[in-house]
Amino acid sequence: MPFRLAVFALVGVTLIWGTTFVVIKDALETMPVPVLLALRFSLTALAFIWVPFDRRVVKPALILGLIAFVAYGSQTLGLNTTTASKAAFITGLSVVLTPIVSAVAFKYAVPGRAWWATALATGGLALLTLQGSGLVGPNVGDAWVLLTALSYALHITYLGSVARSGSALALAGMQHLPMAVLAWVWAAPQAGVITTFGWTEWSAVVYLAVVATAVIAVVQVNAQRVVPPYLAALIFVLEPVFAALLAYLLLGERLTAAGWIGAGIVFAAMLVAELKPKRALAAWQARREQRRA
């Protein structure tokens, strides 16, 4: 996948993610957290049943599945007790954590421009999402979503290091098998509630599983073969921007002046990251090729 196309693909991923806050919030009105996750991951795993088995991605898929289960589970738990705006901001902190994880755990050399863009994006996110009810003090839900941000940072970075280890489709699909198993273990005591679900609940599950998880997983794995983890994290910071825009278009919500300024700052951060020296990208790609050799 060409680099620019990969960047646009990750922007599309982020747009889809921005829709999930509203969908999950609505679904949790009638669905227990573990049951929602179990159905979501099981349907996603089934969507990849046609993909040929690739033994090379078994270990990476297991690790990615465990990390992703923690990320999705903690975010869904957090949305039970915190506001969507605070959850969006805290999840967006993965943009700060990803360069740190990349540098400390995976020894990636992160360009200085990425750190400036990270700081800029964080400030923009604060203005965009921490307004109104979002300024209420921290609670247990915030702590769960903070774990989400750390898990996303680890997932983005680790995926960047193993994305070329085998079939992209196999890696995208197989990581959902451990996620489904763990979710069903958690959901078993409440599984009986599934018989009460109607069209609203099942449509939410299908959207989250097929569009927001299966399709996204394929696009993300292919795109992160050529996009460095620190840039992927900066692209993903657009998630609350898209969430706010969709809330404006679909729910009639309005951003404050500070919110519009914050959205502009986030886009400015993206521009800063995109204008980084070409040699930084070339150096990252060279290190990737050395690891493959």
Protein backbone atom coordinates (compact mmCIF):
# COMPACT_ATOMS: atom_id res chain seq x y z
CA MET A 1 0.00 0.00 0.00
CA PRO A 2 1.45 3.43 -0.95
CA PHE A 3 2.35 5.64 2.00
CA ARG A 4 -0.18 8.40 1.29
CA LEU A 5 -2.98 5.90 0.71
CA ALA A 6 -2.07 4.23 4.01
CA VAL A 7 -2.35 7.59 5.79
CA PHE A 8 -5.79 8.24 4.29
CA ALA A 9 -6.83 4.68 5.19
CA LEU A 10 -5.92 5.26 8.83
CA VAL A 11 -7.91 8.51 8.80
CA GLY A 12 -10.89 6.42 7.63
CA VAL A 13 -10.26 3.97 10.46
CA THR A 14 -10.37 6.85 12.90
CA LEU A 15 -13.63 8.14 11.45
CA ILE A 16 -15.28 4.75 12.04
CA TRP A 17 -13.89 4.62 15.57
CA GLY A 18 -15.40 8.04 16.21
CA THR A 19 -18.86 6.59 15.62
CA THR A 20 -18.46 3.79 18.15
CA PHE A 21 -18.73 5.99 21.25
CA VAL A 22 -22.39 6.76 20.48
CA VAL A 23 -23.17 3.18 19.42
CA ILE A 24 -21.61 1.64 22.54
CA LYS A 25 -23.23 4.19 24.85
CA ASP A 26 -26.66 3.32 23.45
CA ALA A 27 -26.00 -0.44 23.49
CA LEU A 28 -24.97 -0.40 27.14
CA GLU A 29 -28.46 0.79 28.06
CA THR A 30 -29.72 -2.78 27.53
CA MET A 31 -26.61 -4.97 27.14
CA PRO A 32 -24.09 -6.01 29.84
CA VAL A 33 -20.49 -5.10 28.99
CA PRO A 34 -19.10 -8.68 28.76
CA VAL A 35 -22.02 -9.91 26.63
CA LEU A 36 -21.59 -7.03 24.17
CA LEU A 37 -17.87 -7.78 23.89
CA ALA A 38 -18.38 -11.55 23.54
CA LEU A 39 -20.89 -11.15 20.71
CA ARG A 40 -18.81 -8.47 19.02
CA PHE A 41 -15.56 -10.45 19.01
CA SER A 42 -17.24 -13.75 18.09
CA LEU A 43 -18.95 -12.25 15.06
CA THR A 44 -15.70 -10.55 14.06
CA ALA A 45 -13.81 -13.87 14.29
CA LEU A 46 -16.49 -15.52 12.12
CA ALA A 47 -16.07 -12.79 9.51
CA PHE A 48 -12.50 -14.04 8.98
CA ILE A 49 -13.32 -17.76 8.84
CA TRP A 50 -12.60 -17.85 5.09
CA VAL A 51 -8.99 -16.63 5.56
CA PRO A 52 -6.32 -19.38 5.18
CA PHE A 53 -4.42 -20.31 8.34
CA ASP A 54 -0.92 -18.82 8.64
CA ARG A 55 1.18 -20.33 11.41
CA ARG A 56 3.62 -17.40 11.26
CA VAL A 57 1.10 -15.04 12.85
CA VAL A 58 -0.12 -17.29 15.68
CA LYS A 59 2.11 -15.78 18.37
CA PRO A 60 1.66 -12.14 17.27
CA ALA A 61 -2.10 -12.69 16.97
CA LEU A 62 -2.32 -14.08 20.51
CA ILE A 63 -0.38 -11.13 21.92
CA LEU A 64 -2.36 -8.58 19.92
CA GLY A 65 -5.60 -10.27 20.95
CA LEU A 66 -4.74 -10.06 24.62
CA ILE A 67 -3.75 -6.40 24.38
CA ALA A 68 -6.85 -5.54 22.33
CA PHE A 69 -9.14 -7.37 24.77
CA VAL A 70 -7.81 -5.24 27.62
CA ALA A 71 -8.24 -2.10 25.49
CA TYR A 72 -11.82 -2.78 24.36
CA GLY A 73 -12.88 -4.18 27.72
CA SER A 74 -11.53 -1.30 29.79
CA GLN A 75 -13.01 1.30 27.43
CA THR A 76 -16.45 -0.32 27.48
CA LEU A 77 -16.33 -0.56 31.28
CA GLY A 78 -15.24 3.06 31.50
CA LEU A 79 -18.10 4.29 29.32
CA ASN A 80 -20.48 2.92 31.94
CA THR A 81 -19.40 5.52 34.48
CA THR A 82 -17.70 8.41 32.69
CA THR A 83 -18.82 10.88 30.03
CA ALA A 84 -18.17 10.28 26.34
CA SER A 85 -16.15 13.51 26.11
CA LYS A 86 -13.82 12.52 28.94
CA ALA A 87 -13.49 9.01 27.53
CA ALA A 88 -12.58 10.47 24.13
CA PHE A 89 -9.89 12.68 25.64
CA ILE A 90 -8.37 9.99 27.86
CA THR A 91 -8.37 7.47 25.01
CA GLY A 92 -6.68 10.13 22.89
CA LEU A 93 -3.81 10.18 25.38
CA SER A 94 -2.54 7.11 23.52
CA VAL A 95 -1.00 9.67 21.15
CA VAL A 96 1.26 10.71 24.03
CA LEU A 97 1.94 7.19 25.23
CA THR A 98 2.72 5.65 21.83
CA PRO A 99 6.03 7.48 21.24
CA ILE A 100 7.03 6.66 24.83
CA VAL A 101 6.20 2.98 24.38
CA SER A 102 7.93 2.98 20.99
CA ALA A 103 11.10 4.49 22.41
CA VAL A 104 11.24 2.59 25.72
CA ALA A 105 9.86 -0.86 24.94
CA PHE A 106 10.69 -1.24 21.24
CA LYS A 107 13.78 1.01 20.92
CA TYR A 108 12.31 2.97 18.01
CA ALA A 109 13.99 6.32 17.31
CA VAL A 110 11.11 8.82 17.32
CA PRO A 111 11.72 12.07 15.36
CA GLY A 112 11.68 15.24 17.45
CA ARG A 113 8.93 16.66 15.24
CA ALA A 114 6.66 13.82 16.42
CA TRP A 115 7.08 14.90 20.05
CA TRP A 116 6.10 18.49 19.17
CA ALA A 117 3.08 17.23 17.25
CA THR A 118 2.15 15.01 20.21
CA ALA A 119 2.18 17.93 22.64
CA LEU A 120 0.19 20.07 20.21
CA ALA A 121 -2.41 17.35 19.66
CA THR A 122 -2.83 16.78 23.39
CA GLY A 123 -3.55 20.46 23.98
CA GLY A 124 -6.05 20.47 21.13
CA LEU A 125 -7.79 17.40 22.52
CA ALA A 126 -8.11 19.06 25.91
CA LEU A 127 -9.82 22.11 24.41
CA LEU A 128 -12.03 19.96 22.20
CA THR A 129 -13.29 17.37 24.67
CA LEU A 130 -12.86 18.63 28.23
CA GLN A 131 -15.65 21.18 28.17
CA GLY A 132 -18.94 21.38 30.01
CA SER A 133 -19.64 18.16 31.88
CA GLY A 134 -16.25 16.88 30.74
CA LEU A 135 -14.58 19.03 33.39
CA VAL A 136 -16.04 16.99 36.24
CA GLY A 137 -13.35 15.41 38.41
CA PRO A 138 -11.92 11.94 37.76
CA ASN A 139 -13.79 8.74 38.66
CA VAL A 140 -13.37 4.98 38.35
CA GLY A 141 -14.47 5.10 34.72
CA ASP A 142 -11.65 7.50 33.93
CA ALA A 143 -9.14 5.06 35.39
CA TRP A 144 -10.50 2.26 33.19
CA VAL A 145 -10.20 4.45 30.08
CA LEU A 146 -6.65 5.42 31.04
CA LEU A 147 -5.85 1.71 30.86
CA THR A 148 -7.46 1.78 27.41
CA ALA A 149 -5.07 4.52 26.28
CA LEU A 150 -2.04 2.58 27.49
CA SER A 151 -3.30 -0.60 25.82
CA TYR A 152 -3.93 1.20 22.52
CA ALA A 153 -0.41 2.64 22.61
CA LEU A 154 1.04 -0.82 23.16
CA HIS A 155 -1.19 -2.33 20.46
CA ILE A 156 -0.27 0.33 17.88
CA THR A 157 3.43 -0.05 18.57
CA TYR A 158 3.50 -3.85 18.69
CA LEU A 159 1.36 -4.10 15.55
CA GLY A 160 3.83 -1.83 13.79
CA SER A 161 6.62 -4.29 14.66
CA VAL A 162 4.81 -7.49 13.54
CA ALA A 163 2.55 -6.28 10.71
CA ARG A 164 4.87 -7.84 8.12
CA SER A 165 5.35 -11.13 9.95
CA GLY A 166 2.83 -12.99 7.78
CA SER A 167 -0.54 -12.70 6.08
CA ALA A 168 -2.22 -9.39 6.92
CA LEU A 169 -5.68 -10.99 6.74
CA ALA A 170 -4.65 -13.89 8.97
CA LEU A 171 -3.11 -11.53 11.54
CA ALA A 172 -6.18 -9.26 11.48
CA GLY A 173 -8.57 -12.18 11.93
CA MET A 174 -6.72 -14.49 14.31
CA GLN A 175 -6.23 -11.83 16.98
CA HIS A 176 -9.99 -11.88 17.56
CA LEU A 177 -10.08 -15.55 18.57
CA PRO A 178 -8.43 -15.03 21.99
CA MET A 179 -10.52 -11.88 22.40
CA ALA A 180 -13.73 -13.88 21.87
CA VAL A 181 -12.67 -16.69 24.23
CA LEU A 182 -11.76 -14.28 27.03
CA ALA A 183 -14.99 -12.33 26.54
CA TRP A 184 -17.17 -15.46 26.74
CA VAL A 185 -15.45 -16.56 29.95
CA TRP A 186 -16.33 -13.15 31.37
CA ALA A 187 -19.86 -13.14 29.91
CA ALA A 188 -20.90 -16.69 30.85
CA PRO A 189 -22.91 -15.76 34.00
CA GLN A 190 -24.99 -13.23 32.01
CA ALA A 191 -25.26 -15.05 28.69
CA GLY A 192 -28.98 -15.76 29.17
CA VAL A 193 -29.81 -12.09 28.54
CA ILE A 194 -29.07 -12.63 24.83
CA THR A 195 -32.54 -14.15 24.33
CA THR A 196 -34.10 -10.78 25.18
CA PHE A 197 -32.25 -8.83 22.49
CA GLY A 198 -34.17 -7.22 19.66
CA TRP A 199 -33.30 -5.48 16.40
CA THR A 200 -31.66 -2.50 18.14
CA GLU A 201 -29.19 -4.62 20.09
CA TRP A 202 -28.30 -6.91 17.19
CA SER A 203 -27.81 -4.05 14.74
CA ALA A 204 -25.38 -2.46 17.18
CA VAL A 205 -23.48 -5.75 17.54
CA VAL A 206 -23.26 -6.25 13.77
CA TYR A 207 -22.02 -2.70 13.18
CA LEU A 208 -19.42 -2.91 15.94
CA ALA A 209 -18.25 -6.38 14.89
CA VAL A 210 -18.21 -6.18 11.10
CA VAL A 211 -17.60 -2.52 10.30
CA ALA A 212 -15.85 -1.12 13.38
CA THR A 213 -13.75 -4.22 14.12
CA ALA A 214 -13.34 -6.68 11.21
CA VAL A 215 -13.03 -4.22 8.34
CA ILE A 216 -11.00 -1.84 10.47
CA ALA A 217 -8.59 -4.60 11.52
CA VAL A 218 -7.77 -5.44 7.89
CA VAL A 219 -7.26 -1.81 6.92
CA GLN A 220 -5.16 -1.06 10.01
CA VAL A 221 -2.83 -4.04 9.60
CA ASN A 222 -2.17 -3.22 5.94
CA ALA A 223 -1.73 0.51 6.57
CA GLN A 224 0.61 0.04 9.51
CA ARG A 225 2.94 -1.93 7.30
CA VAL A 226 4.09 1.40 5.89
CA VAL A 227 3.03 4.01 8.47
CA PRO A 228 5.29 4.37 11.55
CA PRO A 229 3.62 3.85 14.96
CA TYR A 230 4.14 7.46 16.11
CA LEU A 231 2.39 8.81 12.99
CA ALA A 232 -0.40 6.24 13.28
CA ALA A 233 -1.00 7.41 16.86
CA LEU A 234 -1.22 11.04 15.71
CA ILE A 235 -3.75 10.07 13.04
CA PHE A 236 -5.82 8.22 15.63
CA VAL A 237 -6.03 11.39 17.72
CA LEU A 238 -8.64 12.52 15.18
CA GLU A 239 -11.11 10.08 16.77
CA PRO A 240 -12.69 12.61 19.18
CA VAL A 241 -12.69 15.22 16.41
CA PHE A 242 -14.81 12.95 14.24
CA ALA A 243 -16.94 12.01 17.26
CA ALA A 244 -17.68 15.68 17.93
CA LEU A 245 -18.45 16.33 14.25
CA LEU A 246 -20.85 13.38 14.05
CA ALA A 247 -22.55 14.50 17.25
CA TYR A 248 -23.03 17.91 15.62
CA LEU A 249 -24.44 16.46 12.39
CA LEU A 250 -26.54 13.62 13.80
CA LEU A 251 -27.45 14.66 17.33
CA GLY A 252 -27.54 18.44 17.05
CA GLU A 253 -24.77 18.96 19.60
CA ARG A 254 -22.72 22.15 19.33
CA LEU A 255 -19.05 22.77 19.98
CA THR A 256 -18.01 25.76 22.04
CA ALA A 257 -15.49 28.25 20.69
CA ALA A 258 -12.79 26.42 22.64
CA GLY A 259 -13.91 23.18 21.01
CA TRP A 260 -13.50 24.56 17.50
CA ILE A 261 -10.08 25.94 18.40
CA GLY A 262 -9.12 22.54 19.81
CA ALA A 263 -10.21 20.79 16.61
CA GLY A 264 -8.09 23.20 14.58
CA ILE A 265 -5.07 22.53 16.79
CA VAL A 266 -5.48 18.78 16.31
CA PHE A 267 -5.44 19.20 12.54
CA ALA A 268 -2.39 21.46 12.90
CA ALA A 269 -0.66 18.67 14.81
CA MET A 270 -1.43 16.31 11.94
CA LEU A 271 0.16 18.78 9.53
CA VAL A 272 3.27 19.07 11.70
CA ALA A 273 3.62 15.28 11.70
CA GLU A 274 3.10 15.03 7.93
CA LEU A 275 5.79 17.63 7.20
CA LYS A 276 8.49 15.69 9.01
CA PRO A 277 11.78 15.16 7.13
CA LYS A 278 11.65 12.33 4.58
CA ARG A 279 14.88 10.91 5.96
CA ALA A 280 13.15 10.14 9.28
CA LEU A 281 10.61 7.95 7.47
CA ALA A 282 13.37 6.39 5.35
CA ALA A 283 15.35 5.56 8.50
CA TRP A 284 12.30 3.93 10.11
CA GLN A 285 11.67 1.85 6.99
CA ALA A 286 15.34 0.81 6.86
CA ARG A 287 15.18 -0.43 10.45
CA ARG A 288 12.05 -2.41 9.58
CA GLU A 289 13.85 -4.10 6.70
CA GLN A 290 16.80 -4.95 8.96
CA ARG A 291 14.46 -6.64 11.45
CA ARG A 292 12.96 -8.71 8.63
CA ALA A 293 16.39 -9.84 7.39
